[in-house]
Amino acid sequence: MATDYDAPRRDKEETAGTDGIDALAKGRTDQSGSVDVDEAEVAENFELPGADLGDEELSVKVLPMQQDEFRCSSCFLVHHRSQFAKEKNGQPICKDCA
């Protein structure tokens, strides 16, 4: 039998009568009385701290795709032409996706 050395230890008097299936059955709660909870609704109401970015502005300059770059048709990332591996059905594929 495996021993959990991190668990608090009890005297043999405390554990007498609490071992076995009967003790587990007594501790089990009735699940039929629980209320159905819509997980999507709970997730909508849950807010992460610092997640409100409505008043933030983009502080990075976004450049259009350059002539020596291509967009991988598999991962849809823009890569330098040195990352070009092959064409599949006429669409470029990067080395990571090849």
Protein backbone atom coordinates (compact mmCIF):
# COMPACT_ATOMS: atom_id res chain seq x y z
CA MET A 1 0.00 0.00 0.00
CA ALA A 2 1.36 3.43 -0.92
CA THR A 3 2.03 5.88 1.89
CA ASP A 4 1.56 9.62 1.57
CA TYR A 5 4.29 11.08 3.79
CA ASP A 6 2.99 14.64 3.34
CA ALA A 7 -0.46 13.86 4.75
CA PRO A 8 -1.14 14.74 8.40
CA ARG A 9 -0.84 11.72 10.66
CA ARG A 10 -3.65 10.52 12.90
CA ASP A 11 -3.72 8.23 15.88
CA LYS A 12 -5.08 4.73 15.46
CA GLU A 13 -8.01 5.70 17.70
CA GLU A 14 -9.03 8.48 15.31
CA THR A 15 -8.89 6.23 12.27
CA ALA A 16 -10.79 3.37 13.88
CA GLY A 17 -14.20 3.10 12.24
CA THR A 18 -13.38 5.56 9.44
CA ASP A 19 -11.63 3.11 7.14
CA GLY A 20 -13.42 1.18 4.47
CA ILE A 21 -16.15 1.56 1.91
CA ASP A 22 -18.82 2.36 4.50
CA ALA A 23 -16.94 5.46 5.60
CA LEU A 24 -16.55 6.59 1.99
CA ALA A 25 -20.24 6.05 1.32
CA LYS A 26 -21.17 8.16 4.35
CA GLY A 27 -18.94 11.02 3.21
CA ARG A 28 -20.32 11.04 -0.31
CA THR A 29 -22.81 13.82 -0.95
CA ASP A 30 -25.93 13.44 -3.05
CA GLN A 31 -25.15 14.78 -6.55
CA SER A 32 -28.80 14.86 -7.66
CA GLY A 33 -29.41 18.07 -5.71
CA SER A 34 -26.76 20.04 -7.55
CA VAL A 35 -27.72 22.86 -9.89
CA ASP A 36 -26.73 22.69 -13.56
CA VAL A 37 -24.24 25.45 -14.29
CA ASP A 38 -23.62 26.69 -17.81
CA GLU A 39 -19.83 26.84 -18.12
CA ALA A 40 -19.96 29.39 -20.94
CA GLU A 41 -22.01 31.76 -18.80
CA VAL A 42 -19.60 31.41 -15.89
CA ALA A 43 -16.65 32.10 -18.22
CA GLU A 44 -18.30 35.26 -19.56
CA ASN A 45 -18.65 36.69 -16.07
CA PHE A 46 -15.07 35.82 -15.08
CA GLU A 47 -12.66 38.71 -15.56
CA LEU A 48 -8.90 38.46 -15.45
CA PRO A 49 -7.07 41.22 -13.59
CA GLY A 50 -5.59 43.73 -16.02
CA ALA A 51 -7.58 42.37 -18.97
CA ASP A 52 -9.38 45.65 -19.69
CA LEU A 53 -7.35 47.06 -22.58
CA GLY A 54 -10.09 49.23 -24.09
CA ASP A 55 -8.21 52.48 -23.57
CA GLU A 56 -4.83 51.17 -24.80
CA GLU A 57 -3.37 52.32 -28.09
CA LEU A 58 -1.08 50.38 -30.39
CA SER A 59 2.47 51.47 -29.64
CA VAL A 60 4.21 49.36 -32.29
CA LYS A 61 4.66 50.53 -35.84
CA VAL A 62 3.14 47.95 -38.19
CA LEU A 63 4.88 47.60 -41.53
CA PRO A 64 3.34 46.08 -44.65
CA MET A 65 4.85 42.86 -45.97
CA GLN A 66 8.16 43.58 -47.69
CA GLN A 67 9.19 42.33 -51.13
CA ASP A 68 11.70 39.85 -49.67
CA GLU A 69 9.04 38.27 -47.42
CA PHE A 70 6.28 35.72 -47.97
CA ARG A 71 3.25 34.48 -46.07
CA CYS A 72 3.30 30.75 -45.31
CA SER A 73 0.07 29.11 -46.48
CA SER A 74 0.25 26.60 -43.61
CA CYS A 75 0.96 28.70 -40.49
CA PHE A 76 0.00 32.10 -42.03
CA LEU A 77 3.09 33.80 -40.61
CA VAL A 78 5.19 36.24 -42.59
CA HIS A 79 8.75 34.95 -43.09
CA HIS A 80 11.88 36.19 -44.79
CA ARG A 81 12.59 34.52 -48.13
CA SER A 82 15.46 32.60 -46.48
CA GLN A 83 12.79 30.57 -44.63
CA PHE A 84 11.12 29.45 -47.87
CA ALA A 85 11.12 25.64 -48.21
CA LYS A 86 8.80 24.70 -51.09
CA GLU A 87 5.53 25.39 -52.85
CA LYS A 88 2.52 23.16 -52.33
CA ASN A 89 -0.33 23.63 -54.80
CA GLY A 90 1.26 26.92 -55.85
CA GLN A 91 1.32 28.24 -52.26
CA PRO A 92 4.56 28.97 -50.36
CA ILE A 93 5.49 26.82 -47.34
CA CYS A 94 8.08 27.83 -44.73
CA LYS A 95 10.85 25.56 -43.41
CA ASP A 96 9.07 25.08 -40.08
CA CYS A 97 5.94 23.72 -41.76
CA ALA A 98 7.69 21.68 -44.49
